[in-house]
């Protein structure tokens, strides 16, 4: 007998989109900075930073999608202060 398959906790296209968008956005920023500053290495730095941030966003999204939302704790209210400063 086969067991029912579990559905994925997050959409894999979101993961792909985060990484591609990070690489594209920061790669373009690096390219623009290269053109402005006259350098040739900032496009590579932008692509690496974009990939790292895309992977980070993917990891945080998938880790929070698999965990249930935290429930607020019932905290008792602190007792009201019964001291008065009028007593002298």
C-alpha atoms as a PDB file:
ATOM      1  CA  UNK A   1       0.000   0.000   0.000  1.00  0.00           C
ATOM      2  CA  UNK A   2       1.264   3.451  -0.773  1.00  0.00           C
ATOM      3  CA  UNK A   3       1.223   6.211   1.768  1.00  0.00           C
ATOM      4  CA  UNK A   4      -0.296   9.595   0.932  1.00  0.00           C
ATOM      5  CA  UNK A   5       2.236  12.125  -0.239  1.00  0.00           C
ATOM      6  CA  UNK A   6       2.696  15.250   1.804  1.00  0.00           C
ATOM      7  CA  UNK A   7       2.279  18.535   0.011  1.00  0.00           C
ATOM      8  CA  UNK A   8       5.323  20.823   0.062  1.00  0.00           C
ATOM      9  CA  UNK A   9       5.405  23.445   2.797  1.00  0.00           C
ATOM     10  CA  UNK A  10       6.181  26.237   0.338  1.00  0.00           C
ATOM     11  CA  UNK A  11       6.020  26.884  -3.362  1.00  0.00           C
ATOM     12  CA  UNK A  12       9.342  26.031  -5.053  1.00  0.00           C
ATOM     13  CA  UNK A  13       8.747  28.770  -7.627  1.00  0.00           C
ATOM     14  CA  UNK A  14       8.974  31.324  -4.812  1.00  0.00           C
ATOM     15  CA  UNK A  15      12.415  29.972  -3.921  1.00  0.00           C
ATOM     16  CA  UNK A  16      13.504  30.183  -7.553  1.00  0.00           C
ATOM     17  CA  UNK A  17      12.065  33.684  -7.850  1.00  0.00           C
ATOM     18  CA  UNK A  18      13.862  34.956  -4.755  1.00  0.00           C
ATOM     19  CA  UNK A  19      17.251  33.729  -5.961  1.00  0.00           C
ATOM     20  CA  UNK A  20      16.811  34.921  -9.566  1.00  0.00           C
ATOM     21  CA  UNK A  21      15.421  38.294  -8.485  1.00  0.00           C
ATOM     22  CA  UNK A  22      18.280  38.787  -6.020  1.00  0.00           C
ATOM     23  CA  UNK A  23      20.896  37.932  -8.628  1.00  0.00           C
ATOM     24  CA  UNK A  24      19.250  40.146 -11.252  1.00  0.00           C
ATOM     25  CA  UNK A  25      18.632  43.142  -8.982  1.00  0.00           C
ATOM     26  CA  UNK A  26      22.010  43.216  -7.271  1.00  0.00           C
ATOM     27  CA  UNK A  27      23.793  42.271 -10.485  1.00  0.00           C
ATOM     28  CA  UNK A  28      22.272  45.316 -12.196  1.00  0.00           C
ATOM     29  CA  UNK A  29      23.198  47.500  -9.210  1.00  0.00           C
ATOM     30  CA  UNK A  30      26.764  46.185  -9.438  1.00  0.00           C
ATOM     31  CA  UNK A  31      26.847  46.831 -13.176  1.00  0.00           C
ATOM     32  CA  UNK A  32      25.607  50.389 -12.659  1.00  0.00           C
ATOM     33  CA  UNK A  33      28.213  50.942  -9.941  1.00  0.00           C
ATOM     34  CA  UNK A  34      30.889  49.580 -12.299  1.00  0.00           C
ATOM     35  CA  UNK A  35      29.848  52.016 -15.005  1.00  0.00           C
ATOM     36  CA  UNK A  36      29.747  54.917 -12.569  1.00  0.00           C
ATOM     37  CA  UNK A  37      33.047  54.162 -10.808  1.00  0.00           C
ATOM     38  CA  UNK A  38      34.938  52.754 -13.802  1.00  0.00           C
ATOM     39  CA  UNK A  39      35.631  49.388 -12.160  1.00  0.00           C
ATOM     40  CA  UNK A  40      35.049  45.842 -13.431  1.00  0.00           C
ATOM     41  CA  UNK A  41      34.479  43.729 -10.312  1.00  0.00           C
ATOM     42  CA  UNK A  42      31.334  45.136  -8.704  1.00  0.00           C
ATOM     43  CA  UNK A  43      28.962  43.239 -10.998  1.00  0.00           C
ATOM     44  CA  UNK A  44      30.391  39.954  -9.655  1.00  0.00           C
ATOM     45  CA  UNK A  45      30.107  41.211  -6.078  1.00  0.00           C
ATOM     46  CA  UNK A  46      26.489  42.245  -6.730  1.00  0.00           C
ATOM     47  CA  UNK A  47      25.629  38.839  -8.189  1.00  0.00           C
ATOM     48  CA  UNK A  48      27.146  37.033  -5.189  1.00  0.00           C
ATOM     49  CA  UNK A  49      25.382  39.281  -2.690  1.00  0.00           C
ATOM     50  CA  UNK A  50      22.091  38.888  -4.555  1.00  0.00           C
ATOM     51  CA  UNK A  51      22.410  35.099  -4.585  1.00  0.00           C
ATOM     52  CA  UNK A  52      23.231  35.034  -0.872  1.00  0.00           C
ATOM     53  CA  UNK A  53      20.272  37.258   0.009  1.00  0.00           C
ATOM     54  CA  UNK A  54      17.952  35.216  -2.217  1.00  0.00           C
ATOM     55  CA  UNK A  55      19.023  32.009  -0.511  1.00  0.00           C
ATOM     56  CA  UNK A  56      18.605  33.667   2.898  1.00  0.00           C
ATOM     57  CA  UNK A  57      15.072  34.822   2.058  1.00  0.00           C
ATOM     58  CA  UNK A  58      14.230  31.357   0.748  1.00  0.00           C
ATOM     59  CA  UNK A  59      15.511  29.709   3.922  1.00  0.00           C
ATOM     60  CA  UNK A  60      13.569  32.062   6.185  1.00  0.00           C
ATOM     61  CA  UNK A  61      10.381  31.652   4.175  1.00  0.00           C
ATOM     62  CA  UNK A  62      10.537  27.867   4.123  1.00  0.00           C
ATOM     63  CA  UNK A  63      11.483  27.611   7.793  1.00  0.00           C
ATOM     64  CA  UNK A  64       8.606  29.845   8.913  1.00  0.00           C
ATOM     65  CA  UNK A  65       6.139  28.108   6.595  1.00  0.00           C
ATOM     66  CA  UNK A  66       6.770  24.743   8.271  1.00  0.00           C
ATOM     67  CA  UNK A  67       6.440  25.996  11.855  1.00  0.00           C
ATOM     68  CA  UNK A  68       3.066  26.816  13.382  1.00  0.00           C
ATOM     69  CA  UNK A  69       2.425  30.381  14.407  1.00  0.00           C
ATOM     70  CA  UNK A  70       3.328  31.052  18.044  1.00  0.00           C
ATOM     71  CA  UNK A  71       0.414  31.438  20.392  1.00  0.00           C
ATOM     72  CA  UNK A  72       0.353  34.415  22.766  1.00  0.00           C
ATOM     73  CA  UNK A  73       0.943  33.515  26.383  1.00  0.00           C
ATOM     74  CA  UNK A  74      -1.640  34.310  29.013  1.00  0.00           C
ATOM     75  CA  UNK A  75       0.189  36.521  31.444  1.00  0.00           C
ATOM     76  CA  UNK A  76      -1.389  37.579  34.688  1.00  0.00           C
ATOM     77  CA  UNK A  77      -1.547  41.310  35.157  1.00  0.00           C
ATOM     78  CA  UNK A  78       0.761  42.698  37.830  1.00  0.00           C
ATOM     79  CA  UNK A  79      -0.992  43.629  41.052  1.00  0.00           C
ATOM     80  CA  UNK A  80      -2.028  47.238  41.333  1.00  0.00           C
ATOM     81  CA  UNK A  81       0.040  49.322  43.671  1.00  0.00           C
ATOM     82  CA  UNK A  82      -1.892  50.045  46.856  1.00  0.00           C
ATOM     83  CA  UNK A  83       0.587  52.438  48.408  1.00  0.00           C
ATOM     84  CA  UNK A  84      -0.314  56.075  48.560  1.00  0.00           C
ATOM     85  CA  UNK A  85       1.942  59.053  49.109  1.00  0.00           C
ATOM     86  CA  UNK A  86      -0.732  61.034  50.930  1.00  0.00           C
ATOM     87  CA  UNK A  87       0.022  59.376  54.278  1.00  0.00           C
ATOM     88  CA  UNK A  88       2.315  61.678  56.305  1.00  0.00           C
END
